[in-house]
C-alpha atoms as a PDB file:
ATOM      1  CA  ASN A   1     -30.904 -27.617  22.170  1.00  0.00           C
ATOM      2  CA  ASN A   2     -28.718 -27.746  19.132  1.00  0.00           C
ATOM      3  CA  VAL A   3     -28.701 -26.075  15.737  1.00  0.00           C
ATOM      4  CA  ASP A   4     -30.885 -28.763  14.132  1.00  0.00           C
ATOM      5  CA  ASP A   5     -33.565 -28.230  16.798  1.00  0.00           C
ATOM      6  CA  LEU A   6     -33.406 -24.487  16.153  1.00  0.00           C
ATOM      7  CA  LYS A   7     -33.741 -24.994  12.386  1.00  0.00           C
ATOM      8  CA  GLU A   8     -36.802 -27.189  12.903  1.00  0.00           C
ATOM      9  CA  ALA A   9     -38.363 -24.670  15.300  1.00  0.00           C
ATOM     10  CA  ILE A  10     -37.822 -21.835  12.823  1.00  0.00           C
ATOM     11  CA  ALA A  11     -39.092 -23.936   9.917  1.00  0.00           C
ATOM     12  CA  ALA A  12     -42.263 -24.787  11.844  1.00  0.00           C
ATOM     13  CA  SER A  13     -42.965 -21.137  12.595  1.00  0.00           C
ATOM     14  CA  ASP A  14     -41.884 -19.610   9.265  1.00  0.00           C
ATOM     15  CA  THR A  15     -43.379 -21.018   6.089  1.00  0.00           C
ATOM     16  CA  ALA A  16     -40.853 -19.095   3.969  1.00  0.00           C
ATOM     17  CA  TYR A  17     -37.905 -20.823   5.669  1.00  0.00           C
ATOM     18  CA  GLU A  18     -36.378 -23.466   3.428  1.00  0.00           C
ATOM     19  CA  GLY A  19     -34.227 -25.198   6.038  1.00  0.00           C
ATOM     20  CA  THR A  20     -31.447 -26.133   3.610  1.00  0.00           C
ATOM     21  CA  VAL A  21     -27.778 -26.422   4.355  1.00  0.00           C
ATOM     22  CA  SER A  22     -25.847 -23.894   2.317  1.00  0.00           C
ATOM     23  CA  PHE A  23     -22.270 -23.972   1.118  1.00  0.00           C
ATOM     24  CA  VAL A  24     -19.961 -21.024   0.623  1.00  0.00           C
ATOM     25  CA  ASP A  25     -17.211 -21.454  -1.943  1.00  0.00           C
ATOM     26  CA  TYR A  26     -14.448 -19.193  -0.634  1.00  0.00           C
ATOM     27  CA  VAL A  27     -11.765 -18.205  -3.115  1.00  0.00           C
ATOM     28  CA  GLU A  28      -8.438 -16.548  -2.368  1.00  0.00           C
ATOM     29  CA  GLY A  29      -6.424 -14.438  -4.759  1.00  0.00           C
ATOM     30  CA  ILE A  30      -5.624 -10.872  -5.591  1.00  0.00           C
ATOM     31  CA  TYR A  31      -9.091 -10.113  -6.942  1.00  0.00           C
ATOM     32  CA  VAL A  32     -11.011 -10.478  -3.675  1.00  0.00           C
ATOM     33  CA  GLY A  33     -12.876  -7.649  -1.955  1.00  0.00           C
ATOM     34  CA  TYR A  34     -12.019  -4.053  -2.765  1.00  0.00           C
ATOM     35  CA  LYS A  35      -9.158  -5.070  -5.088  1.00  0.00           C
ATOM     36  CA  TYR A  36     -11.631  -6.850  -7.378  1.00  0.00           C
ATOM     37  CA  TYR A  37     -14.090  -3.953  -7.509  1.00  0.00           C
ATOM     38  CA  GLU A  38     -11.414  -1.294  -8.072  1.00  0.00           C
ATOM     39  CA  THR A  39      -9.668  -3.312 -10.805  1.00  0.00           C
ATOM     40  CA  ALA A  40     -12.924  -4.337 -12.516  1.00  0.00           C
ATOM     41  CA  SER A  41     -14.027  -0.695 -12.518  1.00  0.00           C
ATOM     42  CA  ASP A  42     -10.709   0.492 -13.973  1.00  0.00           C
ATOM     43  CA  ASP A  43     -10.957  -2.189 -16.685  1.00  0.00           C
ATOM     44  CA  GLY A  44     -14.555  -1.194 -17.527  1.00  0.00           C
ATOM     45  CA  VAL A  45     -15.995  -4.552 -16.437  1.00  0.00           C
ATOM     46  CA  ILE A  46     -18.371  -2.955 -13.918  1.00  0.00           C
ATOM     47  CA  ASN A  47     -19.882   0.444 -13.245  1.00  0.00           C
ATOM     48  CA  TYR A  48     -18.493   1.024  -9.749  1.00  0.00           C
ATOM     49  CA  GLU A  49     -21.322   3.264  -8.524  1.00  0.00           C
ATOM     50  CA  ASP A  50     -23.936   0.648  -9.521  1.00  0.00           C
ATOM     51  CA  VAL A  51     -22.193  -2.164  -7.636  1.00  0.00           C
ATOM     52  CA  VAL A  52     -20.418  -0.679  -4.606  1.00  0.00           C
ATOM     53  CA  LYS A  53     -22.318   1.392  -2.068  1.00  0.00           C
ATOM     54  CA  TYR A  54     -19.554   1.819   0.530  1.00  0.00           C
ATOM     55  CA  PRO A  55     -15.945   1.530  -0.672  1.00  0.00           C
ATOM     56  CA  PHE A  56     -13.292  -0.164   1.445  1.00  0.00           C
ATOM     57  CA  GLY A  57     -12.109   2.302   4.103  1.00  0.00           C
ATOM     58  CA  TYR A  58     -15.307   4.363   3.937  1.00  0.00           C
ATOM     59  CA  GLY A  59     -16.297   6.085   7.147  1.00  0.00           C
ATOM     60  CA  LEU A  60     -18.394   8.927   8.486  1.00  0.00           C
ATOM     61  CA  SER A  61     -17.410  11.824  10.709  1.00  0.00           C
ATOM     62  CA  TYR A  62     -19.120  14.773  12.316  1.00  0.00           C
ATOM     63  CA  THR A  63     -16.534  17.015  10.676  1.00  0.00           C
ATOM     64  CA  THR A  64     -14.571  17.277   7.426  1.00  0.00           C
ATOM     65  CA  PHE A  65     -10.867  16.945   6.731  1.00  0.00           C
ATOM     66  CA  GLU A  66      -8.385  17.840   4.034  1.00  0.00           C
ATOM     67  CA  GLN A  67      -5.345  15.606   3.498  1.00  0.00           C
ATOM     68  CA  LYS A  68      -2.239  16.852   1.701  1.00  0.00           C
ATOM     69  CA  MET A  69       0.875  14.800   0.865  1.00  0.00           C
ATOM     70  CA  ASN A  70       4.174  16.668   1.454  1.00  0.00           C
ATOM     71  CA  ASP A  71       7.936  16.091   1.296  1.00  0.00           C
ATOM     72  CA  PHE A  72       7.854  12.955  -0.880  1.00  0.00           C
ATOM     73  CA  SER A  73      11.337  11.455  -1.059  1.00  0.00           C
ATOM     74  CA  ASP A  74      12.788   8.347  -2.719  1.00  0.00           C
ATOM     75  CA  ASN A  75      15.564   6.980  -0.504  1.00  0.00           C
ATOM     76  CA  GLY A  76      16.551   3.906  -2.528  1.00  0.00           C
ATOM     77  CA  ASP A  77      14.863   1.051  -0.650  1.00  0.00           C
ATOM     78  CA  ASN A  78      12.107   3.261   0.820  1.00  0.00           C
ATOM     79  CA  VAL A  79       9.897   6.187  -0.014  1.00  0.00           C
ATOM     80  CA  THR A  80       9.036   8.651   2.736  1.00  0.00           C
ATOM     81  CA  PHE A  81       6.471  11.414   2.919  1.00  0.00           C
ATOM     82  CA  ASN A  82       4.291  13.355   5.314  1.00  0.00           C
ATOM     83  CA  VAL A  83       0.558  13.890   5.169  1.00  0.00           C
ATOM     84  CA  THR A  84      -0.871  17.031   6.712  1.00  0.00           C
ATOM     85  CA  VAL A  85      -4.442  16.516   7.888  1.00  0.00           C
ATOM     86  CA  THR A  86      -6.440  19.703   8.446  1.00  0.00           C
ATOM     87  CA  ASN A  87      -9.837  19.793  10.137  1.00  0.00           C
ATOM     88  CA  THR A  88     -11.925  21.949   7.785  1.00  0.00           C
ATOM     89  CA  GLY A  89     -15.150  21.414   9.715  1.00  0.00           C
ATOM     90  CA  ASP A  90     -16.795  22.944  12.769  1.00  0.00           C
ATOM     91  CA  VAL A  91     -16.162  20.233  15.379  1.00  0.00           C
ATOM     92  CA  ALA A  92     -13.089  18.407  16.657  1.00  0.00           C
ATOM     93  CA  GLY A  93     -12.504  14.939  15.268  1.00  0.00           C
ATOM     94  CA  LYS A  94     -10.075  12.203  14.287  1.00  0.00           C
ATOM     95  CA  ASP A  95      -9.269  11.082  10.747  1.00  0.00           C
ATOM     96  CA  VAL A  96      -7.714   8.028   9.119  1.00  0.00           C
ATOM     97  CA  VAL A  97      -5.050   8.547   6.458  1.00  0.00           C
ATOM     98  CA  GLU A  98      -5.111   5.654   3.974  1.00  0.00           C
ATOM     99  CA  VAL A  99      -2.105   5.162   1.678  1.00  0.00           C
ATOM    100  CA  TYR A 100      -2.613   3.179  -1.532  1.00  0.00           C
ATOM    101  CA  PHE A 101      -0.332   2.324  -4.435  1.00  0.00           C
ATOM    102  CA  THR A 102      -0.949   1.454  -8.065  1.00  0.00           C
ATOM    103  CA  PRO A 103       1.701  -0.760  -9.690  1.00  0.00           C
ATOM    104  CA  PRO A 104       2.641  -0.766 -13.378  1.00  0.00           C
ATOM    105  CA  TYR A 105       0.629  -3.321 -15.339  1.00  0.00           C
ATOM    106  CA  THR A 106       1.207  -4.992 -18.709  1.00  0.00           C
ATOM    107  CA  ASN A 107      -1.494  -7.050 -20.444  1.00  0.00           C
ATOM    108  CA  GLY A 108      -0.404 -10.679 -20.369  1.00  0.00           C
ATOM    109  CA  GLY A 109       2.041  -9.934 -17.558  1.00  0.00           C
ATOM    110  CA  ILE A 110       1.884 -10.577 -13.844  1.00  0.00           C
ATOM    111  CA  GLU A 111      -1.633 -10.091 -12.506  1.00  0.00           C
ATOM    112  CA  LYS A 112      -1.931  -7.023 -10.294  1.00  0.00           C
ATOM    113  CA  ALA A 113      -4.799  -5.215  -8.635  1.00  0.00           C
ATOM    114  CA  SER A 114      -5.112  -1.571  -9.662  1.00  0.00           C
ATOM    115  CA  VAL A 115      -5.410  -0.295  -6.068  1.00  0.00           C
ATOM    116  CA  ASN A 116      -3.563  -1.698  -3.036  1.00  0.00           C
ATOM    117  CA  LEU A 117      -3.660  -0.486   0.565  1.00  0.00           C
ATOM    118  CA  ILE A 118      -0.065  -0.296   1.787  1.00  0.00           C
ATOM    119  CA  ASP A 119      -0.308   1.702   5.032  1.00  0.00           C
ATOM    120  CA  TYR A 120      -2.640   3.757   7.184  1.00  0.00           C
ATOM    121  CA  ALA A 121      -2.577   5.872  10.340  1.00  0.00           C
ATOM    122  CA  LYS A 122      -5.156   7.490  12.587  1.00  0.00           C
ATOM    123  CA  THR A 123      -4.691  11.030  13.794  1.00  0.00           C
ATOM    124  CA  GLY A 124      -5.275  12.248  17.293  1.00  0.00           C
ATOM    125  CA  GLU A 125      -8.200  14.564  17.886  1.00  0.00           C
ATOM    126  CA  ILE A 126      -7.845  17.669  15.700  1.00  0.00           C
ATOM    127  CA  ALA A 127      -9.667  20.884  16.597  1.00  0.00           C
ATOM    128  CA  PRO A 128     -11.448  22.886  13.864  1.00  0.00           C
ATOM    129  CA  GLY A 129      -8.934  24.813  11.754  1.00  0.00           C
ATOM    130  CA  GLU A 130      -5.993  22.889  13.247  1.00  0.00           C
ATOM    131  CA  SER A 131      -3.690  20.388  11.519  1.00  0.00           C
ATOM    132  CA  GLU A 132      -1.669  17.298  12.352  1.00  0.00           C
ATOM    133  CA  THR A 133       1.157  15.811  10.293  1.00  0.00           C
ATOM    134  CA  VAL A 134       1.534  12.047   9.946  1.00  0.00           C
ATOM    135  CA  GLU A 135       4.802  10.533   8.670  1.00  0.00           C
ATOM    136  CA  PHE A 136       5.029   7.447   6.461  1.00  0.00           C
ATOM    137  CA  THR A 137       7.921   5.251   5.355  1.00  0.00           C
ATOM    138  CA  ILE A 138       7.048   2.671   2.708  1.00  0.00           C
ATOM    139  CA  ASN A 139       9.470  -0.142   1.899  1.00  0.00           C
ATOM    140  CA  LYS A 140       9.518  -0.591  -1.893  1.00  0.00           C
ATOM    141  CA  GLU A 141       9.661  -4.384  -1.494  1.00  0.00           C
ATOM    142  CA  ASP A 142       6.163  -4.177   0.015  1.00  0.00           C
ATOM    143  CA  MET A 143       4.930  -3.158  -3.464  1.00  0.00           C
ATOM    144  CA  ALA A 144       6.176  -6.389  -5.072  1.00  0.00           C
ATOM    145  CA  SER A 145       3.699  -8.626  -6.895  1.00  0.00           C
ATOM    146  CA  TYR A 146       3.459 -12.402  -6.637  1.00  0.00           C
ATOM    147  CA  ASP A 147       4.163 -14.152  -9.938  1.00  0.00           C
ATOM    148  CA  ALA A 148       1.907 -17.192  -9.515  1.00  0.00           C
ATOM    149  CA  ASN A 149       1.986 -18.029 -13.241  1.00  0.00           C
ATOM    150  CA  GLU A 150       5.803 -18.033 -13.414  1.00  0.00           C
ATOM    151  CA  ILE A 151       5.887 -15.294 -16.058  1.00  0.00           C
ATOM    152  CA  LYS A 152       9.095 -13.760 -14.693  1.00  0.00           C
ATOM    153  CA  VAL A 153       9.974 -15.884 -11.650  1.00  0.00           C
ATOM    154  CA  ALA A 154      10.603 -19.606 -12.182  1.00  0.00           C
ATOM    155  CA  GLY A 155       8.697 -21.550  -9.548  1.00  0.00           C
ATOM    156  CA  GLY A 156       6.671 -18.432  -8.693  1.00  0.00           C
ATOM    157  CA  GLY A 157       7.662 -15.728  -6.262  1.00  0.00           C
ATOM    158  CA  TYR A 158       7.573 -12.029  -5.511  1.00  0.00           C
ATOM    159  CA  ILE A 159       9.051  -9.502  -7.915  1.00  0.00           C
ATOM    160  CA  LEU A 160       9.223  -5.720  -7.871  1.00  0.00           C
ATOM    161  CA  GLU A 161       8.865  -4.937 -11.559  1.00  0.00           C
ATOM    162  CA  ALA A 162      10.410  -1.846 -13.091  1.00  0.00           C
ATOM    163  CA  GLY A 163       7.999   0.934 -13.979  1.00  0.00           C
ATOM    164  CA  GLU A 164       6.003   3.766 -12.511  1.00  0.00           C
ATOM    165  CA  TYR A 165       4.336   3.136  -9.158  1.00  0.00           C
ATOM    166  CA  THR A 166       1.778   5.699  -8.037  1.00  0.00           C
ATOM    167  CA  VAL A 167       1.419   6.326  -4.296  1.00  0.00           C
ATOM    168  CA  SER A 168      -1.741   8.162  -3.250  1.00  0.00           C
ATOM    169  CA  VAL A 169      -3.510   9.283  -0.094  1.00  0.00           C
ATOM    170  CA  ARG A 170      -7.258   8.619  -0.108  1.00  0.00           C
ATOM    171  CA  SER A 171     -10.220   8.639   2.236  1.00  0.00           C
ATOM    172  CA  ASP A 172     -11.267   5.209   0.886  1.00  0.00           C
ATOM    173  CA  SER A 173     -10.197   2.764  -1.817  1.00  0.00           C
ATOM    174  CA  HIS A 174     -12.107   4.560  -4.571  1.00  0.00           C
END
């Protein structure tokens, strides 16, 4: 049997089946997936809660955690910090620390998503009331944006624009 035979068998048994070949137009760019929804929400284009049911990075656990960023340091080419994860629940569990950054944005400038995952780490099993510290080193060049429209880089290319970059620890993209 092949796929066409299967389609015909399904069509014969299901009167609601249309049996048409579909086409998916896949688009690449910075506004795909969670980056689109986060940016569109920040710009007021969509009401996030009406459109997204489970944000990127969302997960469930049998316990609860608190994440706290500590010892943030700018070392020239890198930023380093620790995240202390404390199990605030009643059962042991593991947690994922997700690190996002928000770049500076200027209307009419280089297109940038408002939220960008830059790193993550999973803890070991943490007992109730206990903590684990996870260390991160982020290379600033990893926060560069691609200038596809040649606004600042002739021929297009990556650029780390001057301005305030916000680094945050979240349980999901929202």
